[in-house]
PDB file of N, CA and C in Angstrom:
ATOM      1  N   MET A   1      89.077  73.331  74.049  1.00  0.00           N
ATOM      2  CA  MET A   1      88.507  74.665  73.979  1.00  0.00           C
ATOM      3  C   MET A   1      87.063  74.595  73.485  1.00  0.00           C
ATOM      4  N   ARG A   2      86.820  73.630  72.588  1.00  0.00           N
ATOM      5  CA  ARG A   2      85.474  73.456  72.118  1.00  0.00           C
ATOM      6  C   ARG A   2      84.493  73.238  73.254  1.00  0.00           C
ATOM      7  N   ARG A   3      84.888  72.495  74.229  1.00  0.00           N
ATOM      8  CA  ARG A   3      84.077  72.186  75.374  1.00  0.00           C
ATOM      9  C   ARG A   3      83.632  73.519  76.082  1.00  0.00           C
ATOM     10  N   PHE A   4      84.418  74.506  75.986  1.00  0.00           N
ATOM     11  CA  PHE A   4      84.093  75.788  76.619  1.00  0.00           C
ATOM     12  C   PHE A   4      83.535  76.770  75.644  1.00  0.00           C
ATOM     13  N   GLY A   5      83.110  76.329  74.420  1.00  0.00           N
ATOM     14  CA  GLY A   5      82.451  77.166  73.502  1.00  0.00           C
ATOM     15  C   GLY A   5      83.325  78.055  72.644  1.00  0.00           C
ATOM     16  N   ILE A   6      84.625  77.719  72.610  1.00  0.00           N
ATOM     17  CA  ILE A   6      85.573  78.443  71.797  1.00  0.00           C
ATOM     18  C   ILE A   6      85.882  77.689  70.495  1.00  0.00           C
ATOM     19  N   ALA A   7      85.477  78.254  69.378  1.00  0.00           N
ATOM     20  CA  ALA A   7      85.723  77.609  68.102  1.00  0.00           C
ATOM     21  C   ALA A   7      87.145  77.908  67.664  1.00  0.00           C
ATOM     22  N   ARG A   8      87.691  77.019  66.842  1.00  0.00           N
ATOM     23  CA  ARG A   8      89.079  77.204  66.393  1.00  0.00           C
ATOM     24  C   ARG A   8      89.247  78.491  65.675  1.00  0.00           C
ATOM     25  N   LYS A   9      88.276  78.900  64.887  1.00  0.00           N
ATOM     26  CA  LYS A   9      88.390  80.191  64.162  1.00  0.00           C
ATOM     27  C   LYS A   9      88.555  81.359  65.125  1.00  0.00           C
ATOM     28  N   ASP A  10      88.094  81.184  66.355  1.00  0.00           N
ATOM     29  CA  ASP A  10      88.112  82.297  67.344  1.00  0.00           C
ATOM     30  C   ASP A  10      89.435  82.280  68.166  1.00  0.00           C
ATOM     31  N   ALA A  11      90.259  81.286  67.885  1.00  0.00           N
ATOM     32  CA  ALA A  11      91.522  81.204  68.601  1.00  0.00           C
ATOM     33  C   ALA A  11      92.641  80.877  67.623  1.00  0.00           C
ATOM     34  N   PRO A  12      93.006  81.824  66.776  1.00  0.00           N
ATOM     35  CA  PRO A  12      93.999  81.563  65.691  1.00  0.00           C
ATOM     36  C   PRO A  12      95.427  81.734  66.136  1.00  0.00           C
ATOM     37  N   TYR A  13      95.692  81.998  67.445  1.00  0.00           N
ATOM     38  CA  TYR A  13      97.060  82.123  67.850  1.00  0.00           C
ATOM     39  C   TYR A  13      97.494  81.056  68.815  1.00  0.00           C
ATOM     40  N   PHE A  14      98.767  80.665  68.762  1.00  0.00           N
ATOM     41  CA  PHE A  14      99.274  79.627  69.563  1.00  0.00           C
ATOM     42  C   PHE A  14     100.515  80.052  70.332  1.00  0.00           C
ATOM     43  N   LEU A  15     100.410  80.126  71.660  1.00  0.00           N
ATOM     44  CA  LEU A  15     101.564  80.380  72.464  1.00  0.00           C
ATOM     45  C   LEU A  15     101.970  79.052  73.069  1.00  0.00           C
ATOM     46  N   PRO A  16     103.130  78.507  72.705  1.00  0.00           N
ATOM     47  CA  PRO A  16     103.450  77.139  73.082  1.00  0.00           C
ATOM     48  C   PRO A  16     103.696  76.976  74.609  1.00  0.00           C
ATOM     49  N   PRO A  17     103.398  75.838  75.133  1.00  0.00           N
ATOM     50  CA  PRO A  17     103.685  75.579  76.577  1.00  0.00           C
ATOM     51  C   PRO A  17     105.115  75.957  76.925  1.00  0.00           C
ATOM     52  N   TYR A  18     105.277  76.576  78.047  1.00  0.00           N
ATOM     53  CA  TYR A  18     106.566  77.079  78.552  1.00  0.00           C
ATOM     54  C   TYR A  18     107.257  78.021  77.584  1.00  0.00           C
ATOM     55  N   GLU A  19     106.534  78.513  76.564  1.00  0.00           N
ATOM     56  CA  GLU A  19     107.061  79.382  75.541  1.00  0.00           C
ATOM     57  C   GLU A  19     108.193  78.816  74.766  1.00  0.00           C
ATOM     58  N   TRP A  20     108.275  77.431  74.746  1.00  0.00           N
ATOM     59  CA  TRP A  20     109.273  76.728  73.989  1.00  0.00           C
ATOM     60  C   TRP A  20     108.789  76.291  72.695  1.00  0.00           C
ATOM     61  N   TYR A  21     109.581  76.556  71.667  1.00  0.00           N
ATOM     62  CA  TYR A  21     109.179  76.050  70.292  1.00  0.00           C
ATOM     63  C   TYR A  21     110.449  75.852  69.470  1.00  0.00           C
ATOM     64  N   ASN A  22     110.252  75.107  68.341  1.00  0.00           N
ATOM     65  CA  ASN A  22     111.366  74.823  67.457  1.00  0.00           C
ATOM     66  C   ASN A  22     110.767  74.767  66.024  1.00  0.00           C
ATOM     67  N   ASP A  23     111.554  74.331  65.063  1.00  0.00           N
ATOM     68  CA  ASP A  23     111.085  74.230  63.699  1.00  0.00           C
ATOM     69  C   ASP A  23     109.853  73.355  63.525  1.00  0.00           C
ATOM     70  N   SER A  24     109.855  72.245  64.269  1.00  0.00           N
ATOM     71  CA  SER A  24     108.698  71.345  64.173  1.00  0.00           C
ATOM     72  C   SER A  24     107.457  72.002  64.680  1.00  0.00           C
ATOM     73  N   ILE A  25     107.520  72.701  65.813  1.00  0.00           N
ATOM     74  CA  ILE A  25     106.314  73.369  66.398  1.00  0.00           C
ATOM     75  C   ILE A  25     105.901  74.447  65.405  1.00  0.00           C
ATOM     76  N   SER A  26     106.818  75.203  64.864  1.00  0.00           N
ATOM     77  CA  SER A  26     106.468  76.266  63.893  1.00  0.00           C
ATOM     78  C   SER A  26     105.774  75.668  62.721  1.00  0.00           C
ATOM     79  N   SER A  27     106.277  74.627  62.168  1.00  0.00           N
ATOM     80  CA  SER A  27     105.667  73.943  61.031  1.00  0.00           C
ATOM     81  C   SER A  27     104.292  73.418  61.379  1.00  0.00           C
ATOM     82  N   TRP A  28     104.138  72.796  62.541  1.00  0.00           N
ATOM     83  CA  TRP A  28     102.851  72.249  62.968  1.00  0.00           C
ATOM     84  C   TRP A  28     101.857  73.368  63.084  1.00  0.00           C
ATOM     85  N   ALA A  29     102.191  74.494  63.687  1.00  0.00           N
ATOM     86  CA  ALA A  29     101.298  75.601  63.871  1.00  0.00           C
ATOM     87  C   ALA A  29     100.847  76.102  62.521  1.00  0.00           C
ATOM     88  N   GLN A  30     101.777  76.270  61.568  1.00  0.00           N
ATOM     89  CA  GLN A  30     101.456  76.722  60.256  1.00  0.00           C
ATOM     90  C   GLN A  30     100.475  75.817  59.528  1.00  0.00           C
ATOM     91  N   GLN A  31     100.736  74.466  59.632  1.00  0.00           N
ATOM     92  CA  GLN A  31      99.869  73.489  59.009  1.00  0.00           C
ATOM     93  C   GLN A  31      98.464  73.597  59.513  1.00  0.00           C
ATOM     94  N   TRP A  32      98.263  73.920  60.776  1.00  0.00           N
ATOM     95  CA  TRP A  32      96.964  74.027  61.361  1.00  0.00           C
ATOM     96  C   TRP A  32      96.348  75.435  61.203  1.00  0.00           C
ATOM     97  N   GLY A  33      97.075  76.325  60.511  1.00  0.00           N
ATOM     98  CA  GLY A  33      96.583  77.635  60.305  1.00  0.00           C
ATOM     99  C   GLY A  33      96.650  78.564  61.495  1.00  0.00           C
ATOM    100  N   LEU A  34      97.587  78.259  62.390  1.00  0.00           N
ATOM    101  CA  LEU A  34      97.706  79.025  63.668  1.00  0.00           C
ATOM    102  C   LEU A  34      98.887  79.956  63.466  1.00  0.00           C
ATOM    103  N   THR A  35      98.815  81.096  64.115  1.00  0.00           N
ATOM    104  CA  THR A  35      99.909  82.098  64.156  1.00  0.00           C
ATOM    105  C   THR A  35     100.618  81.856  65.435  1.00  0.00           C
ATOM    106  N   LEU A  36     101.937  81.483  65.336  1.00  0.00           N
ATOM    107  CA  LEU A  36     102.764  81.186  66.524  1.00  0.00           C
ATOM    108  C   LEU A  36     103.169  82.525  67.126  1.00  0.00           C
ATOM    109  N   ILE A  37     102.950  82.689  68.408  1.00  0.00           N
ATOM    110  CA  ILE A  37     103.330  83.963  69.090  1.00  0.00           C
ATOM    111  C   ILE A  37     104.163  83.625  70.331  1.00  0.00           C
ATOM    112  N   ASN A  38     104.827  84.609  70.843  1.00  0.00           N
ATOM    113  CA  ASN A  38     105.594  84.448  72.055  1.00  0.00           C
ATOM    114  C   ASN A  38     105.775  85.818  72.715  1.00  0.00           C
ATOM    115  N   PHE A  39     106.177  85.825  73.947  1.00  0.00           N
ATOM    116  CA  PHE A  39     106.421  87.088  74.652  1.00  0.00           C
ATOM    117  C   PHE A  39     107.681  87.724  74.061  1.00  0.00           C
ATOM    118  N   THR A  40     107.799  89.021  74.226  1.00  0.00           N
ATOM    119  CA  THR A  40     108.987  89.740  73.806  1.00  0.00           C
ATOM    120  C   THR A  40     109.991  89.674  74.926  1.00  0.00           C
ATOM    121  N   PRO A  41     111.200  89.172  74.662  1.00  0.00           N
ATOM    122  CA  PRO A  41     112.200  89.103  75.785  1.00  0.00           C
ATOM    123  C   PRO A  41     112.740  90.489  76.047  1.00  0.00           C
ATOM    124  N   GLY A  42     113.290  90.617  77.226  1.00  0.00           N
ATOM    125  CA  GLY A  42     113.922  91.879  77.650  1.00  0.00           C
ATOM    126  C   GLY A  42     113.482  92.293  79.039  1.00  0.00           C
ATOM    127  N   THR A  43     112.328  91.901  79.416  1.00  0.00           N
ATOM    128  CA  THR A  43     111.880  92.166  80.804  1.00  0.00           C
ATOM    129  C   THR A  43     111.705  90.793  81.487  1.00  0.00           C
ATOM    130  N   LEU A  44     111.396  90.821  82.758  1.00  0.00           N
ATOM    131  CA  LEU A  44     111.160  89.621  83.527  1.00  0.00           C
ATOM    132  C   LEU A  44     109.670  89.351  83.634  1.00  0.00           C
ATOM    133  N   SER A  45     108.844  89.854  82.750  1.00  0.00           N
ATOM    134  CA  SER A  45     107.381  89.652  82.906  1.00  0.00           C
ATOM    135  C   SER A  45     107.039  88.259  82.976  1.00  0.00           C
ATOM    136  N   ASN A  46     107.631  87.404  82.210  1.00  0.00           N
ATOM    137  CA  ASN A  46     107.312  85.975  82.174  1.00  0.00           C
ATOM    138  C   ASN A  46     107.794  85.185  83.395  1.00  0.00           C
ATOM    139  N   ALA A  47     108.524  85.787  84.308  1.00  0.00           N
ATOM    140  CA  ALA A  47     109.042  85.059  85.474  1.00  0.00           C
ATOM    141  C   ALA A  47     108.069  85.036  86.624  1.00  0.00           C
ATOM    142  N   ASP A  48     106.835  85.490  86.368  1.00  0.00           N
ATOM    143  CA  ASP A  48     105.913  85.478  87.447  1.00  0.00           C
ATOM    144  C   ASP A  48     105.370  84.101  87.896  1.00  0.00           C
ATOM    145  N   TYR A  49     105.856  83.019  87.208  1.00  0.00           N
ATOM    146  CA  TYR A  49     105.473  81.657  87.559  1.00  0.00           C
ATOM    147  C   TYR A  49     106.411  81.150  88.649  1.00  0.00           C
ATOM    148  N   THR A  50     107.480  81.827  88.867  1.00  0.00           N
ATOM    149  CA  THR A  50     108.567  81.229  89.749  1.00  0.00           C
ATOM    150  C   THR A  50     108.098  81.325  91.255  1.00  0.00           C
ATOM    151  N   THR A  51     108.606  80.388  92.028  1.00  0.00           N
ATOM    152  CA  THR A  51     108.270  80.341  93.439  1.00  0.00           C
ATOM    153  C   THR A  51     109.535  80.582  94.271  1.00  0.00           C
ATOM    154  N   PRO A  52     109.396  80.971  95.530  1.00  0.00           N
ATOM    155  CA  PRO A  52     110.585  81.337  96.338  1.00  0.00           C
ATOM    156  C   PRO A  52     111.551  80.180  96.476  1.00  0.00           C
ATOM    157  N   ASP A  53     111.192  78.989  96.317  1.00  0.00           N
ATOM    158  CA  ASP A  53     112.142  77.873  96.467  1.00  0.00           C
ATOM    159  C   ASP A  53     112.956  77.631  95.176  1.00  0.00           C
ATOM    160  N   MET A  54     112.639  78.284  94.111  1.00  0.00           N
ATOM    161  CA  MET A  54     113.358  78.154  92.850  1.00  0.00           C
ATOM    162  C   MET A  54     114.584  79.047  92.763  1.00  0.00           C
ATOM    163  N   LYS A  55     115.617  78.537  92.154  1.00  0.00           N
ATOM    164  CA  LYS A  55     116.849  79.284  91.987  1.00  0.00           C
ATOM    165  C   LYS A  55     116.637  80.588  91.212  1.00  0.00           C
ATOM    166  N   ASN A  56     115.682  80.532  90.191  1.00  0.00           N
ATOM    167  CA  ASN A  56     115.480  81.674  89.309  1.00  0.00           C
ATOM    168  C   ASN A  56     114.291  82.555  89.785  1.00  0.00           C
ATOM    169  N   TYR A  57     113.887  82.413  91.080  1.00  0.00           N
ATOM    170  CA  TYR A  57     112.709  83.173  91.611  1.00  0.00           C
ATOM    171  C   TYR A  57     112.907  84.687  91.388  1.00  0.00           C
ATOM    172  N   ARG A  58     111.859  85.303  90.979  1.00  0.00           N
ATOM    173  CA  ARG A  58     111.783  86.785  90.893  1.00  0.00           C
ATOM    174  C   ARG A  58     110.524  87.225  91.587  1.00  0.00           C
ATOM    175  N   SER A  59     110.651  88.182  92.489  1.00  0.00           N
ATOM    176  CA  SER A  59     109.516  88.680  93.222  1.00  0.00           C
ATOM    177  C   SER A  59     108.650  89.573  92.244  1.00  0.00           C
ATOM    178  N   SER A  60     107.465  89.838  92.569  1.00  0.00           N
ATOM    179  CA  SER A  60     106.581  90.716  91.772  1.00  0.00           C
ATOM    180  C   SER A  60     107.175  92.079  91.740  1.00  0.00           C
ATOM    181  N   ASP A  61     107.757  92.526  92.802  1.00  0.00           N
ATOM    182  CA  ASP A  61     108.390  93.848  92.853  1.00  0.00           C
ATOM    183  C   ASP A  61     109.560  93.934  91.834  1.00  0.00           C
ATOM    184  N   SER A  62     110.382  92.857  91.785  1.00  0.00           N
ATOM    185  CA  SER A  62     111.546  92.887  90.868  1.00  0.00           C
ATOM    186  C   SER A  62     111.029  92.774  89.467  1.00  0.00           C
ATOM    187  N   ILE A  63     109.995  92.037  89.232  1.00  0.00           N
ATOM    188  CA  ILE A  63     109.433  91.966  87.880  1.00  0.00           C
ATOM    189  C   ILE A  63     108.866  93.289  87.433  1.00  0.00           C
ATOM    190  N   PHE A  64     108.058  93.895  88.278  1.00  0.00           N
ATOM    191  CA  PHE A  64     107.509  95.197  88.009  1.00  0.00           C
ATOM    192  C   PHE A  64     108.611  96.196  87.698  1.00  0.00           C
ATOM    193  N   HIS A  65     109.602  96.271  88.483  1.00  0.00           N
ATOM    194  CA  HIS A  65     110.671  97.258  88.282  1.00  0.00           C
ATOM    195  C   HIS A  65     111.487  96.897  87.050  1.00  0.00           C
ATOM    196  N   SER A  66     111.615  95.660  86.642  1.00  0.00           N
ATOM    197  CA  SER A  66     112.383  95.292  85.425  1.00  0.00           C
ATOM    198  C   SER A  66     111.596  95.825  84.207  1.00  0.00           C
ATOM    199  N   ILE A  67     110.308  95.714  84.268  1.00  0.00           N
ATOM    200  CA  ILE A  67     109.509  96.248  83.175  1.00  0.00           C
ATOM    201  C   ILE A  67     109.633  97.784  83.052  1.00  0.00           C
ATOM    202  N   ILE A  68     109.518  98.477  84.176  1.00  0.00           N
ATOM    203  CA  ILE A  68     109.638  99.897  84.248  1.00  0.00           C
ATOM    204  C   ILE A  68     110.994 100.359  83.742  1.00  0.00           C
ATOM    205  N   THR A  69     112.035  99.710  84.274  1.00  0.00           N
ATOM    206  CA  THR A  69     113.432 100.025  83.855  1.00  0.00           C
ATOM    207  C   THR A  69     113.656  99.839  82.360  1.00  0.00           C
ATOM    208  N   TYR A  70     113.128  98.722  81.878  1.00  0.00           N
ATOM    209  CA  TYR A  70     113.308  98.479  80.432  1.00  0.00           C
ATOM    210  C   TYR A  70     112.576  99.512  79.631  1.00  0.00           C
ATOM    211  N   GLU A  71     111.374  99.843  80.055  1.00  0.00           N
ATOM    212  CA  GLU A  71     110.536 100.849  79.342  1.00  0.00           C
ATOM    213  C   GLU A  71     111.277 102.215  79.289  1.00  0.00           C
ATOM    214  N   GLN A  72     111.806 102.598  80.445  1.00  0.00           N
ATOM    215  CA  GLN A  72     112.490 103.911  80.520  1.00  0.00           C
ATOM    216  C   GLN A  72     113.732 103.951  79.688  1.00  0.00           C
ATOM    217  N   THR A  73     114.391 102.846  79.446  1.00  0.00           N
ATOM    218  CA  THR A  73     115.631 102.759  78.760  1.00  0.00           C
ATOM    219  C   THR A  73     115.396 102.542  77.236  1.00  0.00           C
ATOM    220  N   HIS A  74     114.500 101.612  76.905  1.00  0.00           N
ATOM    221  CA  HIS A  74     114.304 101.144  75.525  1.00  0.00           C
ATOM    222  C   HIS A  74     112.910 101.397  74.960  1.00  0.00           C
ATOM    223  N   GLY A  75     111.931 101.575  75.825  1.00  0.00           N
ATOM    224  CA  GLY A  75     110.561 101.664  75.355  1.00  0.00           C
ATOM    225  C   GLY A  75     109.943 100.268  75.238  1.00  0.00           C
ATOM    226  N   LEU A  76     108.629 100.192  75.132  1.00  0.00           N
ATOM    227  CA  LEU A  76     107.921  98.930  75.038  1.00  0.00           C
ATOM    228  C   LEU A  76     106.988  98.907  73.878  1.00  0.00           C
ATOM    229  N   ASN A  77     107.074  99.791  72.898  1.00  0.00           N
ATOM    230  CA  ASN A  77     106.158  99.764  71.755  1.00  0.00           C
ATOM    231  C   ASN A  77     106.254  98.421  71.073  1.00  0.00           C
ATOM    232  N   GLY A  78     105.093  97.781  70.864  1.00  0.00           N
ATOM    233  CA  GLY A  78     105.047  96.492  70.214  1.00  0.00           C
ATOM    234  C   GLY A  78     105.375  95.302  71.083  1.00  0.00           C
ATOM    235  N   PHE A  79     105.624  95.530  72.359  1.00  0.00           N
ATOM    236  CA  PHE A  79     106.013  94.428  73.203  1.00  0.00           C
ATOM    237  C   PHE A  79     104.802  93.538  73.570  1.00  0.00           C
ATOM    238  N   ILE A  80     105.036  92.277  73.766  1.00  0.00           N
ATOM    239  CA  ILE A  80     104.051  91.379  74.277  1.00  0.00           C
ATOM    240  C   ILE A  80     104.632  90.997  75.654  1.00  0.00           C
ATOM    241  N   LEU A  81     104.000  91.528  76.696  1.00  0.00           N
ATOM    242  CA  LEU A  81     104.357  91.186  78.093  1.00  0.00           C
ATOM    243  C   LEU A  81     103.480  89.947  78.504  1.00  0.00           C
ATOM    244  N   LEU A  82     104.194  88.912  78.936  1.00  0.00           N
ATOM    245  CA  LEU A  82     103.484  87.675  79.340  1.00  0.00           C
ATOM    246  C   LEU A  82     103.366  87.706  80.873  1.00  0.00           C
ATOM    247  N   LEU A  83     102.120  87.700  81.359  1.00  0.00           N
ATOM    248  CA  LEU A  83     101.841  87.513  82.776  1.00  0.00           C
ATOM    249  C   LEU A  83     100.905  86.350  82.898  1.00  0.00           C
ATOM    250  N   HIS A  84     101.135  85.517  83.850  1.00  0.00           N
ATOM    251  CA  HIS A  84     100.346  84.290  84.079  1.00  0.00           C
ATOM    252  C   HIS A  84      99.156  84.567  85.020  1.00  0.00           C
ATOM    253  N   ILE A  85      97.960  84.210  84.577  1.00  0.00           N
ATOM    254  CA  ILE A  85      96.824  84.444  85.435  1.00  0.00           C
ATOM    255  C   ILE A  85      96.679  83.371  86.545  1.00  0.00           C
ATOM    256  N   GLY A  86      97.356  82.275  86.348  1.00  0.00           N
ATOM    257  CA  GLY A  86      97.400  81.243  87.384  1.00  0.00           C
ATOM    258  C   GLY A  86      98.824  80.864  87.696  1.00  0.00           C
ATOM    259  N   THR A  87      99.164  80.793  88.958  1.00  0.00           N
ATOM    260  CA  THR A  87     100.469  80.445  89.355  1.00  0.00           C
ATOM    261  C   THR A  87     100.411  79.436  90.512  1.00  0.00           C
ATOM    262  N   ASP A  88     101.494  78.831  90.755  1.00  0.00           N
ATOM    263  CA  ASP A  88     101.619  77.852  91.868  1.00  0.00           C
ATOM    264  C   ASP A  88     101.162  78.471  93.197  1.00  0.00           C
ATOM    265  N   ALA A  89     100.518  77.691  94.035  1.00  0.00           N
ATOM    266  CA  ALA A  89     100.106  78.203  95.353  1.00  0.00           C
ATOM    267  C   ALA A  89     101.270  78.607  96.208  1.00  0.00           C
ATOM    268  N   GLY A  90     102.473  78.088  95.888  1.00  0.00           N
ATOM    269  CA  GLY A  90     103.687  78.478  96.640  1.00  0.00           C
ATOM    270  C   GLY A  90     104.114  79.877  96.353  1.00  0.00           C
ATOM    271  N   ARG A  91     103.573  80.466  95.306  1.00  0.00           N
ATOM    272  CA  ARG A  91     103.927  81.867  95.031  1.00  0.00           C
ATOM    273  C   ARG A  91     102.785  82.700  95.601  1.00  0.00           C
ATOM    274  N   THR A  92     102.969  83.224  96.776  1.00  0.00           N
ATOM    275  CA  THR A  92     101.927  84.017  97.412  1.00  0.00           C
ATOM    276  C   THR A  92     102.003  85.501  96.905  1.00  0.00           C
ATOM    277  N   ASP A  93     103.145  85.854  96.343  1.00  0.00           N
ATOM    278  CA  ASP A  93     103.410  87.205  95.728  1.00  0.00           C
ATOM    279  C   ASP A  93     102.993  87.164  94.287  1.00  0.00           C
ATOM    280  N   LYS A  94     101.703  87.293  93.995  1.00  0.00           N
ATOM    281  CA  LYS A  94     101.128  87.131  92.674  1.00  0.00           C
ATOM    282  C   LYS A  94     101.336  88.427  91.873  1.00  0.00           C
ATOM    283  N   MET A  95     101.997  88.326  90.745  1.00  0.00           N
ATOM    284  CA  MET A  95     102.243  89.546  89.936  1.00  0.00           C
ATOM    285  C   MET A  95     100.937  90.143  89.405  1.00  0.00           C
ATOM    286  N   TYR A  96      99.942  89.289  89.231  1.00  0.00           N
ATOM    287  CA  TYR A  96      98.676  89.904  88.705  1.00  0.00           C
ATOM    288  C   TYR A  96      98.072  90.874  89.646  1.00  0.00           C
ATOM    289  N   HIS A  97      98.460  90.844  90.956  1.00  0.00           N
ATOM    290  CA  HIS A  97      97.976  91.889  91.858  1.00  0.00           C
ATOM    291  C   HIS A  97      98.584  93.211  91.580  1.00  0.00           C
ATOM    292  N   ARG A  98      99.685  93.238  90.847  1.00  0.00           N
ATOM    293  CA  ARG A  98     100.341  94.497  90.448  1.00  0.00           C
ATOM    294  C   ARG A  98      99.923  94.995  89.077  1.00  0.00           C
ATOM    295  N   LEU A  99      99.057  94.242  88.421  1.00  0.00           N
ATOM    296  CA  LEU A  99      98.633  94.599  87.055  1.00  0.00           C
ATOM    297  C   LEU A  99      98.000  95.940  86.955  1.00  0.00           C
ATOM    298  N   GLY A 100      97.160  96.317  87.935  1.00  0.00           N
ATOM    299  CA  GLY A 100      96.607  97.676  87.868  1.00  0.00           C
ATOM    300  C   GLY A 100      97.641  98.750  87.927  1.00  0.00           C
ATOM    301  N   ASP A 101      98.646  98.590  88.779  1.00  0.00           N
ATOM    302  CA  ASP A 101      99.741  99.561  88.857  1.00  0.00           C
ATOM    303  C   ASP A 101     100.498  99.611  87.531  1.00  0.00           C
ATOM    304  N   LEU A 102     100.743  98.455  86.953  1.00  0.00           N
ATOM    305  CA  LEU A 102     101.512  98.415  85.694  1.00  0.00           C
ATOM    306  C   LEU A 102     100.701  99.107  84.537  1.00  0.00           C
ATOM    307  N   VAL A 103      99.454  98.790  84.439  1.00  0.00           N
ATOM    308  CA  VAL A 103      98.561  99.391  83.407  1.00  0.00           C
ATOM    309  C   VAL A 103      98.520 100.926  83.636  1.00  0.00           C
ATOM    310  N   SER A 104      98.359 101.349  84.842  1.00  0.00           N
ATOM    311  CA  SER A 104      98.304 102.814  85.117  1.00  0.00           C
ATOM    312  C   SER A 104      99.608 103.476  84.697  1.00  0.00           C
ATOM    313  N   TYR A 105     100.732 102.834  85.042  1.00  0.00           N
ATOM    314  CA  TYR A 105     102.045 103.447  84.674  1.00  0.00           C
ATOM    315  C   TYR A 105     102.115 103.528  83.168  1.00  0.00           C
ATOM    316  N   LEU A 106     101.794 102.424  82.452  1.00  0.00           N
ATOM    317  CA  LEU A 106     101.961 102.432  80.975  1.00  0.00           C
ATOM    318  C   LEU A 106     100.964 103.479  80.360  1.00  0.00           C
ATOM    319  N   GLN A 107      99.772 103.620  80.855  1.00  0.00           N
ATOM    320  CA  GLN A 107      98.844 104.583  80.338  1.00  0.00           C
ATOM    321  C   GLN A 107      99.390 106.012  80.543  1.00  0.00           C
ATOM    322  N   GLN A 108      99.989 106.252  81.733  1.00  0.00           N
ATOM    323  CA  GLN A 108     100.571 107.548  82.005  1.00  0.00           C
ATOM    324  C   GLN A 108     101.705 107.854  81.024  1.00  0.00           C
ATOM    325  N   ARG A 109     102.389 106.785  80.545  1.00  0.00           N
ATOM    326  CA  ARG A 109     103.433 106.985  79.579  1.00  0.00           C
ATOM    327  C   ARG A 109     102.982 106.999  78.133  1.00  0.00           C
ATOM    328  N   ASN A 110     101.637 107.062  78.002  1.00  0.00           N
ATOM    329  CA  ASN A 110     100.938 107.135  76.666  1.00  0.00           C
ATOM    330  C   ASN A 110     100.982 105.868  75.876  1.00  0.00           C
ATOM    331  N   TYR A 111     101.113 104.701  76.524  1.00  0.00           N
ATOM    332  CA  TYR A 111     101.013 103.425  75.863  1.00  0.00           C
ATOM    333  C   TYR A 111      99.525 103.105  75.728  1.00  0.00           C
ATOM    334  N   ARG A 112      99.192 102.409  74.660  1.00  0.00           N
ATOM    335  CA  ARG A 112      97.880 101.903  74.453  1.00  0.00           C
ATOM    336  C   ARG A 112      97.897 100.375  74.512  1.00  0.00           C
ATOM    337  N   LEU A 113      97.118  99.822  75.386  1.00  0.00           N
ATOM    338  CA  LEU A 113      97.068  98.347  75.498  1.00  0.00           C
ATOM    339  C   LEU A 113      96.080  97.834  74.465  1.00  0.00           C
ATOM    340  N   ILE A 114      96.525  96.836  73.712  1.00  0.00           N
ATOM    341  CA  ILE A 114      95.611  96.276  72.708  1.00  0.00           C
ATOM    342  C   ILE A 114      95.649  94.696  72.769  1.00  0.00           C
ATOM    343  N   ARG A 115      94.624  94.177  72.285  1.00  0.00           N
ATOM    344  CA  ARG A 115      94.548  92.700  72.231  1.00  0.00           C
ATOM    345  C   ARG A 115      95.500  92.197  71.176  1.00  0.00           C
ATOM    346  N   ILE A 116      96.021  90.984  71.342  1.00  0.00           N
ATOM    347  CA  ILE A 116      96.948  90.453  70.438  1.00  0.00           C
ATOM    348  C   ILE A 116      96.393  90.377  68.981  1.00  0.00           C
ATOM    349  N   ASP A 117      95.076  90.060  68.855  1.00  0.00           N
ATOM    350  CA  ASP A 117      94.488  89.967  67.546  1.00  0.00           C
ATOM    351  C   ASP A 117      94.470  91.358  66.837  1.00  0.00           C
ATOM    352  N   GLU A 118      94.393  92.452  67.560  1.00  0.00           N
ATOM    353  CA  GLU A 118      94.474  93.775  66.978  1.00  0.00           C
ATOM    354  C   GLU A 118      95.891  94.055  66.493  1.00  0.00           C
ATOM    355  N   LEU A 119      96.866  93.597  67.257  1.00  0.00           N
ATOM    356  CA  LEU A 119      98.304  93.729  66.926  1.00  0.00           C
ATOM    357  C   LEU A 119      98.644  93.059  65.649  1.00  0.00           C
ATOM    358  N   LEU A 120      98.106  91.910  65.427  1.00  0.00           N
ATOM    359  CA  LEU A 120      98.511  91.034  64.312  1.00  0.00           C
ATOM    360  C   LEU A 120      97.673  91.249  63.047  1.00  0.00           C
ATOM    361  N   GLN A 121      96.747  92.213  63.042  1.00  0.00           N
ATOM    362  CA  GLN A 121      95.923  92.469  61.879  1.00  0.00           C
ATOM    363  C   GLN A 121      96.637  93.298  60.889  1.00  0.00           C
TER     364      GLN A 121
END
């Protein structure tokens, strides 16, 4: 990150690869002064990495509707929705193309989108 001009003080959060962590990763992050974060389970937002050849594939439409359905049933206050900005070329159905629709929907429902650093202050 330093190579791209990002100082460690400007990146105090750590989202582990594949969102997998354990006691060792938690301890390591704490020792380095990082706040360990992860997405909030309950929706399929994090499934946008899947490709049609995978058993657990979820289309962008099914991901979008899972978020909407969860919101209508339980609400999303405080949720961290994980969407990947880069996905395998095999996934031509990119969820980030639906991001505008999702943001519009959430704003119509009076949600306020905030940066993770605002959330954790």
